[in-house]
């Protein structure tokens, strides 16, 4: 039974398509009503009658590599700083009426009107479906702000279909800018992602590079590109710039074999060395061509001459413009989310509910915490049900810590930043999602809504628990047995934003993720800042190791089936878990 439930639920967890069959047995109505006559809320997964997934669940993964040319220059004293956001149409095949939702974005490149983005967009491709894509290129003005609400200026956009890109292999389109005639273009290269994947830890240096700067030496960086079937090359990685040296040693970095060469040992890899200039332009130093197979067979260090063909044509005595050295290479298998889950890593679901006064008097129908007499769920209950119903499938004991915050609690009605949702209980644990919902319903009638809205205490509490597991495994590279997922439900602006940022940054080094669901229609700009889609979160000179926060406003899903909310808030968790495991090179070990 456990194996059957696992194989049914996991594909929708990873899919970019709506989870049409995820909760078919349990979710006959959009949301269950409250427990009639005191009966417990329903729990458990879909039974044997759930059946196989529909044909659309069988898919291929496609990687989209994006570059642009002749972008509009929006900056006065420099060039535009472009980024490309990719949206996919959801819910309809009519692109003129549908709802486009973001599925990924490239990195942000400074001072460049002809960018080749190294970060690819991976999307699920369904042969039998029309999948509309919207490519939107922005000039980034403020990396800390949301691109669509003041953080960037539009440089151009275009809509097309994934099937057209896949069929062509490489598609070049004209970008459009409302009210302006432009000559900007976008090129998209598509390739099916290989099933084989390995982690490559690489350390590179170079010696005797050409001097390119008049008053100094050179400011070199390496650019790794892979060959496409048509003979062109696509950028997959750039090192950092090292200033004023002809003998640089770059920081070690990790690439997946999929990204470097789609796990093809014989595919050509071209390494370009450039000199960076302060105006954002670059000077070409030289390049070399190799393969992953050559790396595997060669003895370290692997030495590769960097040749500038133009200089070679002009000077017979020319030999090279420097030598690149692969100093260290470690190759390990990249395990998947399914590998870790099937070998015993549990997802521990933790809940935090906002009981601050801004939610409104729970006795009144306009309150976000109002409990309708007929048992219809409010937004807090619906979010708990939708997300918790998925998470409980991956936890064997079904005991979930659940907390409230921002209220005065009995018996003395002292304000508490964090308290057990089962008010008066000595343990925060509730049995199953039904137990969490029952505890929430009791708490509404027992606590006094207050304030302020402080999220850092509950994030810190989960981080403390995650740190125990981290200390157990990280130093000895043991298998991770416990990964924490905090579901934080709140109605608005945080009063401890800086402390919350620092708590999230700490958590980014630990086995945990944070899902934030915004309830109501308040200002959620704080939550979007924590989500940090435009770059890793920073605060007080500290930088997150990885992105662990996913935020969604519940209002987007109020009229949609619950599995849509669950899919979108949980979509990033598999990648976040795998990212943690890979950062610390943790193994997959079958439980004994």
Protein backbone atom coordinates (compact mmCIF):
# COMPACT_ATOMS: atom_id res chain seq x y z
CA UNK A 1 0.00 0.00 0.00
CA UNK A 2 2.80 2.41 0.82
CA UNK A 3 4.48 1.73 -2.51
CA UNK A 4 1.24 2.27 -4.41
CA UNK A 5 0.50 5.60 -2.70
CA UNK A 6 4.06 6.78 -3.33
CA UNK A 7 4.02 6.08 -7.05
CA UNK A 8 0.66 7.77 -7.49
CA UNK A 9 1.51 11.01 -5.68
CA UNK A 10 5.08 11.76 -6.65
CA UNK A 11 4.66 12.49 -10.38
CA UNK A 12 2.15 15.28 -9.71
CA UNK A 13 4.49 16.68 -7.07
CA UNK A 14 7.05 17.29 -9.82
CA UNK A 15 4.77 18.08 -12.74
CA UNK A 16 4.20 21.55 -14.17
CA UNK A 17 0.72 20.47 -15.25
CA UNK A 18 -2.40 20.77 -13.07
CA UNK A 19 -2.68 17.80 -10.74
CA UNK A 20 -5.92 16.56 -12.27
CA UNK A 21 -6.01 13.20 -10.51
CA UNK A 22 -4.04 13.89 -7.37
CA UNK A 23 -6.91 13.84 -4.89
CA UNK A 24 -9.71 12.32 -6.93
CA UNK A 25 -10.99 9.93 -4.27
CA UNK A 26 -10.65 12.22 -1.27
CA UNK A 27 -11.58 15.48 -2.98
CA UNK A 28 -14.98 14.82 -4.56
CA UNK A 29 -15.96 18.40 -3.61
CA UNK A 30 -13.61 21.39 -4.03
CA UNK A 31 -12.93 21.36 -0.26
CA UNK A 32 -14.42 19.18 2.48
CA UNK A 33 -16.78 20.93 4.86
CA UNK A 34 -16.17 21.00 8.59
CA UNK A 35 -16.70 17.87 10.70
CA UNK A 36 -20.45 17.20 11.02
CA UNK A 37 -21.57 16.41 14.52
CA UNK A 38 -18.05 16.45 15.89
CA UNK A 39 -16.81 13.72 13.55
CA UNK A 40 -13.10 13.97 12.71
CA UNK A 41 -11.88 15.61 9.53
CA UNK A 42 -11.10 13.04 6.81
CA UNK A 43 -7.45 12.02 6.44
CA UNK A 44 -5.43 9.65 4.27
CA UNK A 45 -4.46 9.40 0.64
CA UNK A 46 -6.30 8.25 -2.44
CA UNK A 47 -7.37 4.64 -2.32
CA UNK A 48 -6.92 1.94 -4.93
CA UNK A 49 -9.81 3.41 -6.90
CA UNK A 50 -7.73 6.48 -7.78
CA UNK A 51 -6.53 4.72 -10.93
CA UNK A 52 -3.57 5.49 -13.15
CA UNK A 53 -2.60 9.01 -14.19
CA UNK A 54 -4.10 10.39 -17.38
CA UNK A 55 -2.03 10.20 -20.53
CA UNK A 56 -0.88 13.82 -20.10
CA UNK A 57 1.21 12.86 -17.07
CA UNK A 58 3.69 10.99 -19.32
CA UNK A 59 6.05 13.67 -20.48
CA UNK A 60 9.54 14.68 -21.53
CA UNK A 61 11.67 17.35 -19.90
CA UNK A 62 12.99 19.99 -22.27
CA UNK A 63 15.71 22.53 -21.56
CA UNK A 64 15.37 26.00 -23.12
CA UNK A 65 18.53 28.07 -23.62
CA UNK A 66 17.86 31.75 -24.29
CA UNK A 67 19.87 34.55 -25.85
CA UNK A 68 18.91 38.01 -27.14
CA UNK A 69 20.33 40.55 -29.57
CA UNK A 70 19.95 44.30 -30.15
CA UNK A 71 18.03 44.94 -26.93
CA UNK A 72 16.78 48.45 -26.22
CA UNK A 73 19.14 50.48 -24.04
CA UNK A 74 17.13 51.77 -21.07
CA UNK A 75 20.02 53.03 -18.92
CA UNK A 76 21.42 56.54 -19.33
CA UNK A 77 25.00 56.09 -18.13
CA UNK A 78 25.41 52.39 -18.98
CA UNK A 79 23.61 49.64 -20.89
CA UNK A 80 20.51 47.67 -19.98
CA UNK A 81 20.77 44.89 -17.37
CA UNK A 82 18.58 42.18 -18.96
CA UNK A 83 16.80 39.18 -17.50
CA UNK A 84 14.29 36.91 -19.27
CA UNK A 85 11.16 35.64 -17.50
CA UNK A 86 9.27 32.70 -19.03
CA UNK A 87 5.54 32.27 -18.41
CA UNK A 88 3.28 29.39 -19.42
CA UNK A 89 -0.44 29.53 -20.13
CA UNK A 90 -2.54 27.76 -17.51
CA UNK A 91 -6.09 26.55 -17.61
CA UNK A 92 -7.00 27.07 -21.29
CA UNK A 93 -5.64 26.66 -24.81
CA UNK A 94 -6.75 30.19 -25.80
CA UNK A 95 -3.65 32.39 -25.38
CA UNK A 96 -5.72 35.59 -25.67
CA UNK A 97 -7.87 34.77 -22.61
CA UNK A 98 -5.70 32.55 -20.45
CA UNK A 99 -3.72 33.10 -17.29
CA UNK A 100 0.04 33.04 -17.84
CA UNK A 101 2.09 31.94 -14.82
CA UNK A 102 5.85 32.13 -14.39
CA UNK A 103 7.73 28.85 -14.81
CA UNK A 104 11.28 30.16 -14.63
CA UNK A 105 13.71 32.98 -15.27
CA UNK A 106 17.29 33.37 -16.38
CA UNK A 107 20.02 35.08 -14.44
CA UNK A 108 20.37 38.87 -14.61
CA UNK A 109 23.30 40.10 -16.76
CA UNK A 110 24.66 43.60 -16.25
CA UNK A 111 25.39 46.12 -19.02
CA UNK A 112 24.68 43.88 -22.02
CA UNK A 113 22.43 44.42 -25.04
CA UNK A 114 23.28 41.02 -26.57
CA UNK A 115 23.05 38.61 -23.62
CA UNK A 116 23.52 34.84 -23.77
CA UNK A 117 21.94 33.56 -20.58
CA UNK A 118 23.66 30.65 -18.85
CA UNK A 119 20.66 29.58 -16.74
CA UNK A 120 18.37 27.35 -18.79
CA UNK A 121 14.62 26.97 -18.27
CA UNK A 122 13.49 23.36 -17.79
CA UNK A 123 9.88 22.65 -18.72
CA UNK A 124 7.72 19.54 -19.03
CA UNK A 125 6.81 18.93 -22.68
CA UNK A 126 3.57 17.13 -23.57
CA UNK A 127 3.38 16.09 -27.21
CA UNK A 128 -0.42 15.93 -27.21
CA UNK A 129 -0.95 19.42 -25.76
CA UNK A 130 -0.63 22.98 -27.08
CA UNK A 131 1.63 24.72 -24.55
CA UNK A 132 1.74 28.50 -24.92
CA UNK A 133 4.86 30.29 -23.66
CA UNK A 134 5.43 33.99 -23.04
CA UNK A 135 9.03 35.26 -23.04
CA UNK A 136 9.38 38.63 -21.29
CA UNK A 137 12.72 40.49 -21.22
CA UNK A 138 13.23 43.15 -18.54
CA UNK A 139 15.92 45.66 -17.72
CA UNK A 140 16.56 45.12 -13.99
CA UNK A 141 16.44 48.45 -12.14
CA UNK A 142 16.20 47.24 -8.54
CA UNK A 143 17.17 43.60 -7.83
CA UNK A 144 15.39 43.73 -4.45
CA UNK A 145 12.00 44.60 -6.01
CA UNK A 146 9.51 42.52 -7.95
CA UNK A 147 10.19 42.86 -11.67
CA UNK A 148 6.54 43.28 -12.57
CA UNK A 149 5.85 45.99 -9.98
CA UNK A 150 8.62 48.55 -10.26
CA UNK A 151 11.78 46.42 -10.16
CA UNK A 152 12.30 46.40 -13.92
CA UNK A 153 11.47 48.02 -17.27
CA UNK A 154 10.12 46.03 -20.19
CA UNK A 155 12.62 45.54 -23.02
CA UNK A 156 10.35 43.36 -25.14
CA UNK A 157 8.23 40.22 -25.15
CA UNK A 158 6.93 37.54 -27.50
CA UNK A 159 4.53 34.60 -27.33
CA UNK A 160 4.98 31.26 -29.02
CA UNK A 161 4.27 27.56 -28.49
CA UNK A 162 6.62 25.04 -26.92
CA UNK A 163 5.87 22.54 -29.71
CA UNK A 164 7.15 25.01 -32.33
CA UNK A 165 10.43 25.46 -30.43
CA UNK A 166 10.89 21.71 -29.97
CA UNK A 167 10.12 21.00 -33.62
CA UNK A 168 12.57 23.64 -34.85
CA UNK A 169 15.29 22.89 -32.31
CA UNK A 170 16.28 26.56 -32.50
CA UNK A 171 13.77 29.37 -32.95
CA UNK A 172 14.56 33.08 -33.42
CA UNK A 173 11.72 35.57 -32.92
CA UNK A 174 11.27 39.34 -32.98
CA UNK A 175 10.61 40.92 -29.60
CA UNK A 176 7.71 43.39 -29.37
CA UNK A 177 7.62 46.59 -27.31
CA UNK A 178 4.22 48.35 -27.12
CA UNK A 179 4.21 51.70 -28.91
CA UNK A 180 7.74 51.35 -30.21
CA UNK A 181 9.36 49.80 -33.27
CA UNK A 182 12.44 47.81 -32.24
CA UNK A 183 14.87 45.39 -33.90
CA UNK A 184 15.42 43.23 -30.83
CA UNK A 185 15.42 39.46 -31.24
CA UNK A 186 15.29 36.45 -28.94
CA UNK A 187 16.72 33.03 -29.79
CA UNK A 188 15.52 29.90 -27.99
CA UNK A 189 17.34 26.57 -28.31
CA UNK A 190 15.46 23.48 -27.10
CA UNK A 191 16.84 20.07 -26.23
CA UNK A 192 15.40 17.09 -24.38
CA UNK A 193 17.05 16.60 -21.00
CA UNK A 194 19.09 13.43 -20.62
CA UNK A 195 18.00 10.92 -17.98
CA UNK A 196 21.62 10.53 -16.87
CA UNK A 197 22.98 13.15 -14.49
CA UNK A 198 26.24 13.57 -12.58
CA UNK A 199 27.63 16.34 -10.40
CA UNK A 200 30.94 17.74 -11.63
CA UNK A 201 33.04 19.62 -9.07
CA UNK A 202 35.63 21.58 -11.04
CA UNK A 203 38.58 23.80 -10.16
CA UNK A 204 40.15 25.89 -12.94
CA UNK A 205 43.13 28.21 -13.27
CA UNK A 206 45.03 29.78 -16.15
CA UNK A 207 48.58 31.00 -16.79
CA UNK A 208 50.27 33.48 -19.11
CA UNK A 209 47.10 35.10 -20.40
CA UNK A 210 47.34 37.97 -22.87
CA UNK A 211 47.44 41.46 -21.37
CA UNK A 212 44.31 43.34 -22.46
CA UNK A 213 44.14 46.42 -20.21
CA UNK A 214 46.16 49.54 -20.98
CA UNK A 215 46.84 50.51 -17.35
CA UNK A 216 46.77 47.04 -15.86
CA UNK A 217 46.89 43.39 -16.84
CA UNK A 218 43.59 41.60 -17.58
CA UNK A 219 40.39 40.91 -15.62
CA UNK A 220 39.75 37.36 -16.86
CA UNK A 221 36.81 34.99 -16.58
CA UNK A 222 35.95 31.67 -18.24
CA UNK A 223 32.79 31.01 -20.22
CA UNK A 224 31.72 27.38 -20.78
CA UNK A 225 29.59 26.62 -23.84
CA UNK A 226 28.23 23.39 -25.30
CA UNK A 227 27.72 22.49 -28.94
CA UNK A 228 24.23 22.37 -30.43
CA UNK A 229 23.21 19.98 -33.23
CA UNK A 230 23.40 22.83 -35.78
CA UNK A 231 27.02 23.61 -34.86
CA UNK A 232 26.29 26.70 -32.76
CA UNK A 233 27.27 26.92 -29.09
CA UNK A 234 25.16 27.75 -26.02
CA UNK A 235 26.54 29.31 -22.84
CA UNK A 236 26.04 27.09 -19.77
CA UNK A 237 28.31 28.66 -17.13
CA UNK A 238 30.53 31.65 -16.38
CA UNK A 239 33.12 31.89 -13.64
CA UNK A 240 33.62 34.99 -11.54
CA UNK A 241 35.90 37.78 -12.79
CA UNK A 242 39.34 37.98 -11.20
CA UNK A 243 40.79 41.45 -11.56
CA UNK A 244 44.24 42.52 -12.69
CA UNK A 245 46.00 39.20 -13.21
CA UNK A 246 47.39 37.10 -16.05
CA UNK A 247 47.52 33.97 -13.87
CA UNK A 248 44.04 33.61 -12.32
CA UNK A 249 42.79 30.83 -10.05
CA UNK A 250 38.99 30.72 -10.03
CA UNK A 251 36.82 29.51 -7.17
CA UNK A 252 35.76 25.85 -7.38
CA UNK A 253 32.25 25.42 -8.80
CA UNK A 254 29.79 22.65 -9.54
CA UNK A 255 28.01 21.87 -12.80
CA UNK A 256 25.73 19.00 -13.64
CA UNK A 257 26.73 16.83 -16.59
CA UNK A 258 23.28 17.55 -18.05
CA UNK A 259 23.95 21.25 -18.07
CA UNK A 260 27.50 21.01 -19.35
CA UNK A 261 26.91 18.60 -22.25
CA UNK A 262 23.54 16.89 -21.68
CA UNK A 263 25.55 13.98 -20.23
CA UNK A 264 27.11 13.24 -23.63
CA UNK A 265 30.80 12.42 -23.15
CA UNK A 266 31.59 13.12 -26.81
CA UNK A 267 29.75 16.42 -27.21
CA UNK A 268 32.06 19.35 -27.83
CA UNK A 269 32.59 21.83 -25.02
CA UNK A 270 34.17 25.16 -25.91
CA UNK A 271 35.79 27.19 -23.14
CA UNK A 272 36.22 30.90 -23.91
CA UNK A 273 38.42 33.19 -21.88
CA UNK A 274 37.48 36.88 -21.83
CA UNK A 275 38.78 40.07 -20.25
CA UNK A 276 36.04 41.99 -18.45
CA UNK A 277 35.79 45.79 -18.81
CA UNK A 278 34.10 48.13 -16.34
CA UNK A 279 31.59 49.31 -18.97
CA UNK A 280 30.19 45.78 -19.22
CA UNK A 281 31.93 44.89 -22.48
CA UNK A 282 34.50 42.11 -22.86
CA UNK A 283 37.68 41.51 -24.83
CA UNK A 284 38.25 38.05 -26.26
CA UNK A 285 41.48 36.37 -25.10
CA UNK A 286 41.24 32.85 -26.52
CA UNK A 287 39.39 29.54 -26.45
CA UNK A 288 39.85 25.80 -26.44
CA UNK A 289 37.63 22.84 -27.32
CA UNK A 290 37.34 19.62 -25.35
CA UNK A 291 34.82 16.98 -24.15
CA UNK A 292 33.69 15.52 -20.85
CA UNK A 293 35.12 12.20 -22.03
CA UNK A 294 38.55 13.82 -22.31
CA UNK A 295 38.23 15.07 -18.73
CA UNK A 296 37.43 11.56 -17.51
CA UNK A 297 40.39 9.99 -19.30
CA UNK A 298 42.98 12.71 -18.73
CA UNK A 299 45.41 12.92 -15.84
CA UNK A 300 45.13 16.03 -13.70
CA UNK A 301 45.96 18.75 -14.28
CA UNK A 302 44.45 18.84 -17.77
CA UNK A 303 46.19 21.64 -19.69
CA UNK A 304 44.38 23.30 -22.61
CA UNK A 305 45.90 25.99 -24.82
CA UNK A 306 43.71 29.07 -25.30
CA UNK A 307 43.96 30.08 -28.95
CA UNK A 308 42.84 33.33 -30.57
CA UNK A 309 42.30 32.46 -34.25
CA UNK A 310 42.58 36.08 -35.42
CA UNK A 311 45.97 36.49 -33.79
CA UNK A 312 47.10 33.12 -35.17
CA UNK A 313 46.30 34.25 -38.73
CA UNK A 314 48.31 37.44 -38.39
CA UNK A 315 51.45 36.10 -36.71
CA UNK A 316 53.28 32.93 -37.79
CA UNK A 317 55.20 32.67 -34.52
CA UNK A 318 51.96 32.85 -32.49
CA UNK A 319 51.46 29.89 -30.16
CA UNK A 320 48.66 30.70 -27.75
CA UNK A 321 47.10 33.42 -25.60
CA UNK A 322 47.54 31.46 -22.39
CA UNK A 323 46.85 28.02 -20.98
CA UNK A 324 43.75 26.91 -19.02
CA UNK A 325 44.29 24.25 -16.36
CA UNK A 326 41.68 21.86 -14.98
CA UNK A 327 43.25 21.45 -11.53
CA UNK A 328 40.63 19.25 -9.87
CA UNK A 329 37.65 17.19 -11.01
CA UNK A 330 35.32 15.11 -8.89
CA UNK A 331 32.40 13.30 -10.50
CA UNK A 332 29.53 11.95 -8.40
CA UNK A 333 26.08 10.72 -9.29
CA UNK A 334 23.30 13.28 -8.93
CA UNK A 335 20.49 11.63 -6.97
CA UNK A 336 16.91 12.73 -7.55
CA UNK A 337 14.17 13.72 -5.13
CA UNK A 338 12.62 10.29 -5.60
CA UNK A 339 15.93 8.62 -4.72
CA UNK A 340 16.09 10.41 -1.38
CA UNK A 341 12.42 9.86 -0.52
CA UNK A 342 12.39 6.18 -1.47
CA UNK A 343 15.52 5.56 0.61
CA UNK A 344 13.99 6.84 3.82
CA UNK A 345 14.09 10.65 3.97
CA UNK A 346 10.81 11.86 5.50
CA UNK A 347 9.18 15.22 4.88
CA UNK A 348 8.25 16.60 8.31
CA UNK A 349 5.34 19.00 7.97
CA UNK A 350 5.19 21.92 10.45
CA UNK A 351 2.40 24.51 10.54
CA UNK A 352 2.37 28.13 11.72
CA UNK A 353 -0.92 30.09 11.81
CA UNK A 354 -1.23 33.88 12.15
CA UNK A 355 -3.56 34.87 15.01
CA UNK A 356 -2.87 38.62 14.92
CA UNK A 357 -5.66 41.17 15.28
CA UNK A 358 -5.45 42.29 11.66
CA UNK A 359 -7.32 39.09 10.71
CA UNK A 360 -10.49 40.61 12.22
CA UNK A 361 -12.86 39.49 14.97
CA UNK A 362 -13.40 35.73 14.33
CA UNK A 363 -17.03 36.07 15.45
CA UNK A 364 -17.79 38.28 12.44
CA UNK A 365 -18.28 36.98 8.88
CA UNK A 366 -15.72 39.43 7.42
CA UNK A 367 -12.93 37.95 9.58
CA UNK A 368 -10.36 35.74 7.89
CA UNK A 369 -10.73 33.39 10.88
CA UNK A 370 -14.54 33.24 10.73
CA UNK A 371 -15.94 29.72 11.11
CA UNK A 372 -19.14 29.47 9.08
CA UNK A 373 -22.02 27.60 10.77
CA UNK A 374 -22.47 25.31 7.76
CA UNK A 375 -18.90 24.07 7.97
CA UNK A 376 -17.59 25.81 4.85
CA UNK A 377 -13.84 26.23 5.25
CA UNK A 378 -12.23 29.66 5.54
CA UNK A 379 -9.00 30.45 3.67
CA UNK A 380 -6.76 29.28 6.53
CA UNK A 381 -8.52 25.91 6.68
CA UNK A 382 -8.51 25.47 2.91
CA UNK A 383 -4.77 26.17 2.65
CA UNK A 384 -4.04 23.79 5.53
CA UNK A 385 -6.09 21.07 3.90
CA UNK A 386 -4.69 21.46 0.39
CA UNK A 387 -1.00 21.47 1.36
CA UNK A 388 -1.19 19.18 4.39
CA UNK A 389 -3.02 16.46 2.47
CA UNK A 390 0.02 16.06 0.23
CA UNK A 391 2.71 16.37 2.89
CA UNK A 392 1.20 13.79 5.22
CA UNK A 393 1.75 11.09 2.59
CA UNK A 394 5.51 11.36 3.16
CA UNK A 395 5.51 11.16 6.97
CA UNK A 396 5.12 7.74 8.55
CA UNK A 397 3.86 8.68 12.03
CA UNK A 398 1.49 11.44 10.78
CA UNK A 399 2.32 13.60 13.84
CA UNK A 400 2.73 17.23 12.80
CA UNK A 401 3.95 20.08 15.03
CA UNK A 402 1.45 22.94 14.69
CA UNK A 403 1.83 26.42 16.18
CA UNK A 404 0.04 29.72 16.36
CA UNK A 405 1.62 33.13 16.72
CA UNK A 406 0.63 36.71 17.56
CA UNK A 407 -2.14 36.09 20.13
CA UNK A 408 -2.85 36.24 23.85
CA UNK A 409 -3.30 32.68 25.14
CA UNK A 410 -5.00 31.19 28.21
CA UNK A 411 -4.90 30.76 31.10
CA UNK A 412 -3.28 34.16 31.82
CA UNK A 413 -3.79 35.62 28.36
CA UNK A 414 -0.22 36.74 28.01
CA UNK A 415 0.95 37.68 24.53
CA UNK A 416 2.89 34.86 22.81
CA UNK A 417 5.08 34.95 19.69
CA UNK A 418 4.65 31.19 19.36
CA UNK A 419 2.30 28.73 21.10
CA UNK A 420 0.96 25.22 20.55
CA UNK A 421 -2.03 25.22 18.21
CA UNK A 422 -3.51 22.62 20.57
CA UNK A 423 -3.89 25.30 23.23
CA UNK A 424 -3.16 23.93 26.71
CA UNK A 425 -1.48 20.79 25.39
CA UNK A 426 2.09 19.98 26.45
CA UNK A 427 3.01 18.96 22.90
CA UNK A 428 2.63 20.86 19.62
CA UNK A 429 1.98 17.69 17.65
CA UNK A 430 -1.36 16.99 15.99
CA UNK A 431 -2.32 13.69 14.38
CA UNK A 432 -2.75 14.14 10.65
CA UNK A 433 -4.23 17.08 8.79
CA UNK A 434 -7.56 16.38 10.46
CA UNK A 435 -5.92 16.88 13.84
CA UNK A 436 -4.42 20.20 12.75
CA UNK A 437 -7.80 21.45 11.50
CA UNK A 438 -9.53 20.38 14.71
CA UNK A 439 -6.86 22.13 16.84
CA UNK A 440 -7.18 25.27 14.73
CA UNK A 441 -10.95 25.33 15.19
CA UNK A 442 -10.59 25.01 18.97
CA UNK A 443 -7.85 27.66 19.14
CA UNK A 444 -10.08 30.24 17.43
CA UNK A 445 -12.48 30.09 20.36
CA UNK A 446 -9.73 30.09 23.03
CA UNK A 447 -7.16 32.75 22.11
CA UNK A 448 -7.44 36.52 21.84
CA UNK A 449 -6.15 37.85 18.52
CA UNK A 450 -3.44 40.43 19.12
CA UNK A 451 -0.11 41.35 17.52
CA UNK A 452 2.47 42.19 16.25
CA UNK A 453 3.04 39.90 13.24
CA UNK A 454 6.41 38.31 14.03
CA UNK A 455 7.39 35.37 11.81
CA UNK A 456 10.99 34.94 12.96
CA UNK A 457 10.24 32.99 16.20
CA UNK A 458 8.48 30.12 14.41
CA UNK A 459 11.06 30.00 11.58
CA UNK A 460 13.78 29.94 14.23
CA UNK A 461 12.03 27.11 16.10
CA UNK A 462 11.89 24.98 12.95
CA UNK A 463 15.52 25.89 12.14
CA UNK A 464 16.56 24.72 15.64
CA UNK A 465 14.98 21.36 14.97
CA UNK A 466 16.50 21.13 11.49
CA UNK A 467 19.91 22.02 12.89
CA UNK A 468 19.94 18.90 15.07
CA UNK A 469 19.55 16.76 11.95
CA UNK A 470 22.10 18.88 10.09
CA UNK A 471 24.74 18.46 12.80
CA UNK A 472 24.13 14.72 12.84
CA UNK A 473 24.69 14.25 9.12
CA UNK A 474 26.80 17.07 7.68
CA UNK A 475 30.17 16.43 9.33
CA UNK A 476 30.14 12.69 8.59
CA UNK A 477 28.11 12.84 5.34
CA UNK A 478 25.44 10.52 6.67
CA UNK A 479 22.10 10.02 4.90
CA UNK A 480 19.48 12.65 5.76
CA UNK A 481 16.42 11.12 7.40
CA UNK A 482 14.38 14.26 8.09
CA UNK A 483 13.58 17.36 6.01
CA UNK A 484 11.39 20.08 7.55
CA UNK A 485 8.66 21.89 5.59
CA UNK A 486 7.17 24.89 7.40
CA UNK A 487 3.77 26.03 6.11
CA UNK A 488 3.32 29.60 7.33
CA UNK A 489 -0.15 31.12 6.94
CA UNK A 490 -0.34 34.88 7.45
CA UNK A 491 -2.49 37.84 6.48
CA UNK A 492 0.05 40.56 5.78
CA UNK A 493 3.01 42.76 6.59
CA UNK A 494 5.67 41.46 8.99
CA UNK A 495 6.83 43.65 11.88
CA UNK A 496 10.12 41.76 12.27
CA UNK A 497 11.22 41.66 8.64
CA UNK A 498 14.95 41.90 9.29
CA UNK A 499 14.91 39.15 11.94
CA UNK A 500 12.80 37.01 9.60
CA UNK A 501 15.32 37.47 6.79
CA UNK A 502 18.15 36.41 9.09
CA UNK A 503 16.14 33.36 10.25
CA UNK A 504 15.54 32.36 6.60
CA UNK A 505 19.23 32.85 5.74
CA UNK A 506 20.14 30.58 8.65
CA UNK A 507 17.57 28.03 7.48
CA UNK A 508 19.07 28.03 3.97
CA UNK A 509 22.02 26.08 5.39
CA UNK A 510 19.75 23.49 7.02
CA UNK A 511 17.40 20.69 5.83
CA UNK A 512 14.25 22.83 5.64
CA UNK A 513 11.95 24.76 3.33
CA UNK A 514 9.44 27.52 4.10
CA UNK A 515 6.10 27.80 2.30
CA UNK A 516 4.20 31.04 2.89
CA UNK A 517 0.55 31.36 1.93
CA UNK A 518 -0.80 34.91 2.08
CA UNK A 519 -4.41 34.94 3.29
CA UNK A 520 -6.69 37.87 2.45
CA UNK A 521 -5.83 40.87 0.27
CA UNK A 522 -3.18 42.76 2.25
CA UNK A 523 0.21 44.02 1.06
CA UNK A 524 2.40 40.94 0.58
CA UNK A 525 5.52 42.69 -0.70
CA UNK A 526 7.46 41.44 2.37
CA UNK A 527 6.64 37.86 1.43
CA UNK A 528 7.72 38.38 -2.17
CA UNK A 529 11.03 39.77 -0.89
CA UNK A 530 11.55 36.61 1.19
CA UNK A 531 10.78 34.47 -1.87
CA UNK A 532 13.77 36.16 -3.55
CA UNK A 533 13.07 34.98 -7.11
CA UNK A 534 15.43 37.65 -8.45
CA UNK A 535 18.43 36.41 -6.43
CA UNK A 536 19.46 34.86 -3.14
CA UNK A 537 18.22 36.63 0.00
CA UNK A 538 20.69 38.98 1.71
CA UNK A 539 20.61 40.87 5.03
CA UNK A 540 23.27 42.58 7.14
CA UNK A 541 26.04 41.33 4.90
CA UNK A 542 24.80 37.73 5.13
CA UNK A 543 23.69 35.80 2.04
CA UNK A 544 21.47 32.75 1.81
CA UNK A 545 23.14 29.54 0.64
CA UNK A 546 20.05 28.53 -1.36
CA UNK A 547 16.48 29.63 -1.97
CA UNK A 548 14.16 27.93 0.54
CA UNK A 549 11.05 30.16 0.47
CA UNK A 550 8.03 29.83 -1.79
CA UNK A 551 5.25 32.42 -1.45
CA UNK A 552 1.80 32.39 -3.04
CA UNK A 553 -1.24 34.58 -2.32
CA UNK A 554 -4.29 32.44 -1.60
CA UNK A 555 -6.53 34.88 -3.51
CA UNK A 556 -5.15 33.45 -6.78
CA UNK A 557 -6.62 30.04 -5.89
CA UNK A 558 -9.84 30.99 -4.08
CA UNK A 559 -12.05 29.75 -6.92
CA UNK A 560 -9.82 26.92 -8.10
CA UNK A 561 -9.60 23.27 -6.95
CA UNK A 562 -7.30 22.72 -3.92
CA UNK A 563 -4.80 20.61 -5.83
CA UNK A 564 -3.80 23.72 -7.82
CA UNK A 565 -2.71 25.51 -4.66
CA UNK A 566 -0.93 22.40 -3.38
CA UNK A 567 0.92 21.91 -6.65
CA UNK A 568 2.16 25.49 -6.89
CA UNK A 569 3.29 25.90 -3.28
CA UNK A 570 5.00 22.50 -3.20
CA UNK A 571 6.50 22.62 -6.70
CA UNK A 572 9.86 23.98 -5.50
CA UNK A 573 10.27 21.63 -2.51
CA UNK A 574 11.80 18.68 -4.45
CA UNK A 575 14.46 20.94 -5.95
CA UNK A 576 15.16 22.60 -2.60
CA UNK A 577 15.59 19.23 -0.88
CA UNK A 578 17.92 17.95 -3.61
CA UNK A 579 19.85 21.23 -3.53
CA UNK A 580 20.50 20.80 0.20
CA UNK A 581 21.65 17.20 -0.25
CA UNK A 582 24.01 18.15 -3.06
CA UNK A 583 25.45 21.17 -1.25
CA UNK A 584 26.70 18.84 1.47
CA UNK A 585 27.27 15.83 -0.82
CA UNK A 586 24.97 13.64 1.27
CA UNK A 587 24.56 10.04 0.16
CA UNK A 588 21.48 7.96 -0.55
CA UNK A 589 21.51 4.96 1.78
CA UNK A 590 18.80 2.34 1.96
CA UNK A 591 17.35 2.27 5.51
CA UNK A 592 18.26 -0.78 7.60
